[in-house]
């Protein structure tokens, strides 16, 4: 069954109720292979490793 409101909820009261719906800060971790910052529990975009031994992506780096 759907809600059956008795009174209209004003915009201000709606917004007050939603003040706690916030985006949390990103969790950054150092890559164990190249020591760059990356998102935790993700493949490193710089070297392509997930952990020290598991290579997931084959990334070709530019040679100078």
PDB file of N, CA and C in Angstrom:
ATOM      1  N   UNK A   1       0.834  -1.179   0.000  1.00  0.00           N
ATOM      2  CA  UNK A   1       0.000   0.000   0.000  1.00  0.00           C
ATOM      3  C   UNK A   1       0.881   1.245   0.000  1.00  0.00           C
ATOM      4  N   UNK A   2       0.377   2.257  -0.626  1.00  0.00           N
ATOM      5  CA  UNK A   2       1.104   3.518  -0.703  1.00  0.00           C
ATOM      6  C   UNK A   2       0.791   4.373   0.523  1.00  0.00           C
ATOM      7  N   UNK A   3       1.643   5.361   0.739  1.00  0.00           N
ATOM      8  CA  UNK A   3       1.429   6.286   1.855  1.00  0.00           C
ATOM      9  C   UNK A   3       0.198   7.142   1.592  1.00  0.00           C
ATOM     10  N   UNK A   4      -0.472   7.534   2.660  1.00  0.00           N
ATOM     11  CA  UNK A   4      -1.671   8.357   2.531  1.00  0.00           C
ATOM     12  C   UNK A   4      -1.506   9.571   3.443  1.00  0.00           C
ATOM     13  N   UNK A   5      -0.813  10.622   2.938  1.00  0.00           N
ATOM     14  CA  UNK A   5      -0.509  11.753   3.805  1.00  0.00           C
ATOM     15  C   UNK A   5      -1.752  12.553   4.177  1.00  0.00           C
ATOM     16  N   UNK A   6      -1.773  13.020   5.425  1.00  0.00           N
ATOM     17  CA  UNK A   6      -2.885  13.838   5.898  1.00  0.00           C
ATOM     18  C   UNK A   6      -2.695  15.310   5.514  1.00  0.00           C
ATOM     19  N   UNK A   7      -1.424  15.758   5.509  1.00  0.00           N
ATOM     20  CA  UNK A   7      -1.129  17.159   5.215  1.00  0.00           C
ATOM     21  C   UNK A   7       0.023  17.237   4.226  1.00  0.00           C
ATOM     22  N   UNK A   8       0.099  18.348   3.527  1.00  0.00           N
ATOM     23  CA  UNK A   8       1.177  18.592   2.585  1.00  0.00           C
ATOM     24  C   UNK A   8       2.456  18.900   3.356  1.00  0.00           C
ATOM     25  N   UNK A   9       3.584  18.366   2.881  1.00  0.00           N
ATOM     26  CA  UNK A   9       4.879  18.632   3.501  1.00  0.00           C
ATOM     27  C   UNK A   9       5.543  19.757   2.717  1.00  0.00           C
ATOM     28  N   UNK A  10       5.909  20.814   3.415  1.00  0.00           N
ATOM     29  CA  UNK A  10       6.506  21.973   2.742  1.00  0.00           C
ATOM     30  C   UNK A  10       7.896  21.630   2.201  1.00  0.00           C
ATOM     31  N   UNK A  11       8.381  22.455   1.281  1.00  0.00           N
ATOM     32  CA  UNK A  11       9.712  22.237   0.710  1.00  0.00           C
ATOM     33  C   UNK A  11      10.784  22.301   1.789  1.00  0.00           C
ATOM     34  N   UNK A  12      10.652  23.241   2.708  1.00  0.00           N
ATOM     35  CA  UNK A  12      11.651  23.390   3.768  1.00  0.00           C
ATOM     36  C   UNK A  12      11.717  22.132   4.639  1.00  0.00           C
ATOM     37  N   UNK A  13      10.581  21.572   4.991  1.00  0.00           N
ATOM     38  CA  UNK A  13      10.583  20.369   5.822  1.00  0.00           C
ATOM     39  C   UNK A  13      11.118  19.164   5.054  1.00  0.00           C
ATOM     40  N   UNK A  14      10.849  19.079   3.768  1.00  0.00           N
ATOM     41  CA  UNK A  14      11.429  18.011   2.951  1.00  0.00           C
ATOM     42  C   UNK A  14      12.944  18.119   2.959  1.00  0.00           C
ATOM     43  N   UNK A  15      13.442  19.322   2.743  1.00  0.00           N
ATOM     44  CA  UNK A  15      14.885  19.535   2.661  1.00  0.00           C
ATOM     45  C   UNK A  15      15.565  19.316   4.004  1.00  0.00           C
ATOM     46  N   UNK A  16      14.901  19.696   5.091  1.00  0.00           N
ATOM     47  CA  UNK A  16      15.466  19.447   6.424  1.00  0.00           C
ATOM     48  C   UNK A  16      15.625  17.955   6.675  1.00  0.00           C
ATOM     49  N   UNK A  17      14.654  17.179   6.234  1.00  0.00           N
ATOM     50  CA  UNK A  17      14.702  15.729   6.432  1.00  0.00           C
ATOM     51  C   UNK A  17      15.828  15.100   5.631  1.00  0.00           C
ATOM     52  N   UNK A  18      16.158  15.686   4.496  1.00  0.00           N
ATOM     53  CA  UNK A  18      17.169  15.108   3.610  1.00  0.00           C
ATOM     54  C   UNK A  18      18.576  15.642   3.854  1.00  0.00           C
ATOM     55  N   UNK A  19      18.788  16.431   4.894  1.00  0.00           N
ATOM     56  CA  UNK A  19      20.115  17.004   5.126  1.00  0.00           C
ATOM     57  C   UNK A  19      21.162  15.953   5.449  1.00  0.00           C
ATOM     58  N   UNK A  20      20.769  14.769   5.896  1.00  0.00           N
ATOM     59  CA  UNK A  20      21.732  13.741   6.279  1.00  0.00           C
ATOM     60  C   UNK A  20      22.091  12.823   5.124  1.00  0.00           C
ATOM     61  N   UNK A  21      21.478  13.015   3.954  1.00  0.00           N
ATOM     62  CA  UNK A  21      21.817  12.199   2.793  1.00  0.00           C
ATOM     63  C   UNK A  21      23.018  12.840   2.113  1.00  0.00           C
ATOM     64  N   UNK A  22      24.213  12.447   2.519  1.00  0.00           N
ATOM     65  CA  UNK A  22      25.436  13.051   1.995  1.00  0.00           C
ATOM     66  C   UNK A  22      26.323  11.988   1.389  1.00  0.00           C
ATOM     67  N   UNK A  23      27.167  12.408   0.476  1.00  0.00           N
ATOM     68  CA  UNK A  23      28.145  11.512  -0.111  1.00  0.00           C
ATOM     69  C   UNK A  23      29.369  11.499   0.790  1.00  0.00           C
ATOM     70  N   UNK A  24      29.844  10.315   1.108  1.00  0.00           N
ATOM     71  CA  UNK A  24      31.025  10.196   1.956  1.00  0.00           C
ATOM     72  C   UNK A  24      32.301  10.471   1.178  1.00  0.00           C
ATOM     73  N   UNK A  25      33.380  10.691   1.895  1.00  0.00           N
ATOM     74  CA  UNK A  25      34.676  10.937   1.262  1.00  0.00           C
ATOM     75  C   UNK A  25      35.197   9.645   0.631  1.00  0.00           C
ATOM     76  N   UNK A  26      35.942   9.790  -0.464  1.00  0.00           N
ATOM     77  CA  UNK A  26      36.515   8.632  -1.133  1.00  0.00           C
ATOM     78  C   UNK A  26      37.644   8.051  -0.289  1.00  0.00           C
ATOM     79  N   UNK A  27      37.769   6.731  -0.300  1.00  0.00           N
ATOM     80  CA  UNK A  27      38.827   6.058   0.432  1.00  0.00           C
ATOM     81  C   UNK A  27      39.978   5.797  -0.526  1.00  0.00           C
ATOM     82  N   UNK A  28      41.082   6.485  -0.310  1.00  0.00           N
ATOM     83  CA  UNK A  28      42.250   6.322  -1.165  1.00  0.00           C
ATOM     84  C   UNK A  28      43.271   5.428  -0.476  1.00  0.00           C
ATOM     85  N   UNK A  29      43.954   4.616  -1.269  1.00  0.00           N
ATOM     86  CA  UNK A  29      44.987   3.733  -0.747  1.00  0.00           C
ATOM     87  C   UNK A  29      46.187   3.804  -1.688  1.00  0.00           C
ATOM     88  N   UNK A  30      47.364   3.501  -1.161  1.00  0.00           N
ATOM     89  CA  UNK A  30      48.560   3.468  -1.998  1.00  0.00           C
ATOM     90  C   UNK A  30      48.624   2.142  -2.734  1.00  0.00           C
ATOM     91  N   UNK A  31      48.973   2.204  -4.002  1.00  0.00           N
ATOM     92  CA  UNK A  31      49.183   0.989  -4.786  1.00  0.00           C
ATOM     93  C   UNK A  31      50.435   0.296  -4.253  1.00  0.00           C
ATOM     94  N   UNK A  32      50.372  -1.017  -4.084  1.00  0.00           N
ATOM     95  CA  UNK A  32      51.515  -1.754  -3.546  1.00  0.00           C
ATOM     96  C   UNK A  32      52.624  -1.944  -4.574  1.00  0.00           C
ATOM     97  N   UNK A  33      52.294  -1.735  -5.852  1.00  0.00           N
ATOM     98  CA  UNK A  33      53.273  -1.927  -6.917  1.00  0.00           C
ATOM     99  C   UNK A  33      54.006  -0.632  -7.249  1.00  0.00           C
ATOM    100  N   UNK A  34      53.236   0.469  -7.505  1.00  0.00           N
ATOM    101  CA  UNK A  34      53.859   1.719  -7.953  1.00  0.00           C
ATOM    102  C   UNK A  34      53.717   2.853  -6.931  1.00  0.00           C
ATOM    103  N   UNK A  35      53.034   2.622  -5.828  1.00  0.00           N
ATOM    104  CA  UNK A  35      52.872   3.570  -4.719  1.00  0.00           C
ATOM    105  C   UNK A  35      52.124   4.844  -5.089  1.00  0.00           C
ATOM    106  N   UNK A  36      51.304   4.794  -6.133  1.00  0.00           N
ATOM    107  CA  UNK A  36      50.423   5.908  -6.486  1.00  0.00           C
ATOM    108  C   UNK A  36      49.123   5.761  -5.694  1.00  0.00           C
ATOM    109  N   UNK A  37      48.429   6.894  -5.482  1.00  0.00           N
ATOM    110  CA  UNK A  37      47.134   6.813  -4.816  1.00  0.00           C
ATOM    111  C   UNK A  37      46.082   6.298  -5.791  1.00  0.00           C
ATOM    112  N   UNK A  38      45.235   5.401  -5.300  1.00  0.00           N
ATOM    113  CA  UNK A  38      44.161   4.832  -6.098  1.00  0.00           C
ATOM    114  C   UNK A  38      42.970   4.600  -5.196  1.00  0.00           C
ATOM    115  N   UNK A  39      41.803   4.334  -5.783  1.00  0.00           N
ATOM    116  CA  UNK A  39      40.645   3.989  -4.975  1.00  0.00           C
ATOM    117  C   UNK A  39      40.864   2.621  -4.337  1.00  0.00           C
ATOM    118  N   UNK A  40      40.430   2.469  -3.097  1.00  0.00           N
ATOM    119  CA  UNK A  40      40.617   1.210  -2.387  1.00  0.00           C
ATOM    120  C   UNK A  40      39.824   0.099  -3.062  1.00  0.00           C
ATOM    121  N   UNK A  41      40.390  -1.088  -3.102  1.00  0.00           N
ATOM    122  CA  UNK A  41      39.760  -2.285  -3.678  1.00  0.00           C
ATOM    123  C   UNK A  41      39.453  -2.123  -5.166  1.00  0.00           C
ATOM    124  N   UNK A  42      40.312  -1.397  -5.883  1.00  0.00           N
ATOM    125  CA  UNK A  42      40.175  -1.213  -7.323  1.00  0.00           C
ATOM    126  C   UNK A  42      41.530  -1.476  -7.978  1.00  0.00           C
ATOM    127  N   UNK A  43      41.514  -1.696  -9.273  1.00  0.00           N
ATOM    128  CA  UNK A  43      42.748  -1.869 -10.033  1.00  0.00           C
ATOM    129  C   UNK A  43      43.408  -0.503 -10.188  1.00  0.00           C
ATOM    130  N   UNK A  44      44.718  -0.453 -10.043  1.00  0.00           N
ATOM    131  CA  UNK A  44      45.464   0.798 -10.172  1.00  0.00           C
ATOM    132  C   UNK A  44      45.441   1.238 -11.631  1.00  0.00           C
ATOM    133  N   UNK A  45      45.027   2.486 -11.914  1.00  0.00           N
ATOM    134  CA  UNK A  45      45.000   2.945 -13.308  1.00  0.00           C
ATOM    135  C   UNK A  45      46.384   3.218 -13.890  1.00  0.00           C
ATOM    136  N   UNK A  46      47.399   3.374 -13.047  1.00  0.00           N
ATOM    137  CA  UNK A  46      48.757   3.676 -13.525  1.00  0.00           C
ATOM    138  C   UNK A  46      49.496   2.418 -13.978  1.00  0.00           C
ATOM    139  N   UNK A  47      49.449   1.355 -13.144  1.00  0.00           N
ATOM    140  CA  UNK A  47      50.241   0.167 -13.463  1.00  0.00           C
ATOM    141  C   UNK A  47      49.398  -1.048 -13.836  1.00  0.00           C
ATOM    142  N   UNK A  48      48.105  -1.071 -13.481  1.00  0.00           N
ATOM    143  CA  UNK A  48      47.235  -2.175 -13.858  1.00  0.00           C
ATOM    144  C   UNK A  48      47.220  -3.332 -12.882  1.00  0.00           C
ATOM    145  N   UNK A  49      47.840  -3.172 -11.711  1.00  0.00           N
ATOM    146  CA  UNK A  49      47.861  -4.243 -10.713  1.00  0.00           C
ATOM    147  C   UNK A  49      46.745  -4.048  -9.700  1.00  0.00           C
ATOM    148  N   UNK A  50      46.181  -5.176  -9.223  1.00  0.00           N
ATOM    149  CA  UNK A  50      45.191  -5.125  -8.150  1.00  0.00           C
ATOM    150  C   UNK A  50      45.900  -5.215  -6.803  1.00  0.00           C
ATOM    151  N   UNK A  51      46.810  -6.145  -6.675  1.00  0.00           N
ATOM    152  CA  UNK A  51      47.667  -6.233  -5.498  1.00  0.00           C
ATOM    153  C   UNK A  51      49.084  -6.455  -6.017  1.00  0.00           C
ATOM    154  N   UNK A  52      50.005  -6.769  -5.135  1.00  0.00           N
ATOM    155  CA  UNK A  52      51.403  -6.864  -5.544  1.00  0.00           C
ATOM    156  C   UNK A  52      51.621  -7.952  -6.600  1.00  0.00           C
ATOM    157  N   UNK A  53      50.850  -9.035  -6.555  1.00  0.00           N
ATOM    158  CA  UNK A  53      51.093 -10.166  -7.446  1.00  0.00           C
ATOM    159  C   UNK A  53      50.071 -10.316  -8.567  1.00  0.00           C
ATOM    160  N   UNK A  54      48.934  -9.650  -8.474  1.00  0.00           N
ATOM    161  CA  UNK A  54      47.853  -9.883  -9.430  1.00  0.00           C
ATOM    162  C   UNK A  54      47.800  -8.751 -10.455  1.00  0.00           C
ATOM    163  N   UNK A  55      48.244  -9.034 -11.677  1.00  0.00           N
ATOM    164  CA  UNK A  55      48.178  -8.049 -12.755  1.00  0.00           C
ATOM    165  C   UNK A  55      46.864  -8.274 -13.504  1.00  0.00           C
ATOM    166  N   UNK A  56      46.058  -7.237 -13.615  1.00  0.00           N
ATOM    167  CA  UNK A  56      44.744  -7.357 -14.227  1.00  0.00           C
ATOM    168  C   UNK A  56      44.719  -6.697 -15.593  1.00  0.00           C
ATOM    169  N   UNK A  57      45.246  -5.486 -15.689  1.00  0.00           N
ATOM    170  CA  UNK A  57      45.241  -4.738 -16.941  1.00  0.00           C
ATOM    171  C   UNK A  57      46.644  -4.674 -17.526  1.00  0.00           C
ATOM    172  N   UNK A  58      46.717  -4.736 -18.861  1.00  0.00           N
ATOM    173  CA  UNK A  58      47.994  -4.561 -19.526  1.00  0.00           C
ATOM    174  C   UNK A  58      48.041  -3.126 -20.048  1.00  0.00           C
ATOM    175  N   UNK A  59      48.703  -2.255 -19.300  1.00  0.00           N
ATOM    176  CA  UNK A  59      48.758  -0.825 -19.641  1.00  0.00           C
ATOM    177  C   UNK A  59      50.120  -0.525 -20.247  1.00  0.00           C
ATOM    178  N   UNK A  60      50.081   0.065 -21.449  1.00  0.00           N
ATOM    179  CA  UNK A  60      51.323   0.471 -22.109  1.00  0.00           C
ATOM    180  C   UNK A  60      51.650   1.899 -21.671  1.00  0.00           C
ATOM    181  N   UNK A  61      52.790   2.072 -21.037  1.00  0.00           N
ATOM    182  CA  UNK A  61      53.192   3.395 -20.575  1.00  0.00           C
ATOM    183  C   UNK A  61      54.035   4.062 -21.658  1.00  0.00           C
ATOM    184  N   UNK A  62      53.909   5.387 -21.714  1.00  0.00           N
ATOM    185  CA  UNK A  62      54.659   6.167 -22.697  1.00  0.00           C
ATOM    186  C   UNK A  62      56.139   6.196 -22.312  1.00  0.00           C
ATOM    187  N   UNK A  63      56.996   5.920 -23.277  1.00  0.00           N
ATOM    188  CA  UNK A  63      58.425   5.994 -23.030  1.00  0.00           C
ATOM    189  C   UNK A  63      58.926   7.333 -23.511  1.00  0.00           C
ATOM    190  N   UNK A  64      59.756   7.956 -22.692  1.00  0.00           N
ATOM    191  CA  UNK A  64      60.293   9.276 -23.036  1.00  0.00           C
ATOM    192  C   UNK A  64      61.610   9.163 -23.752  1.00  0.00           C
TER     193      UNK A  64
END
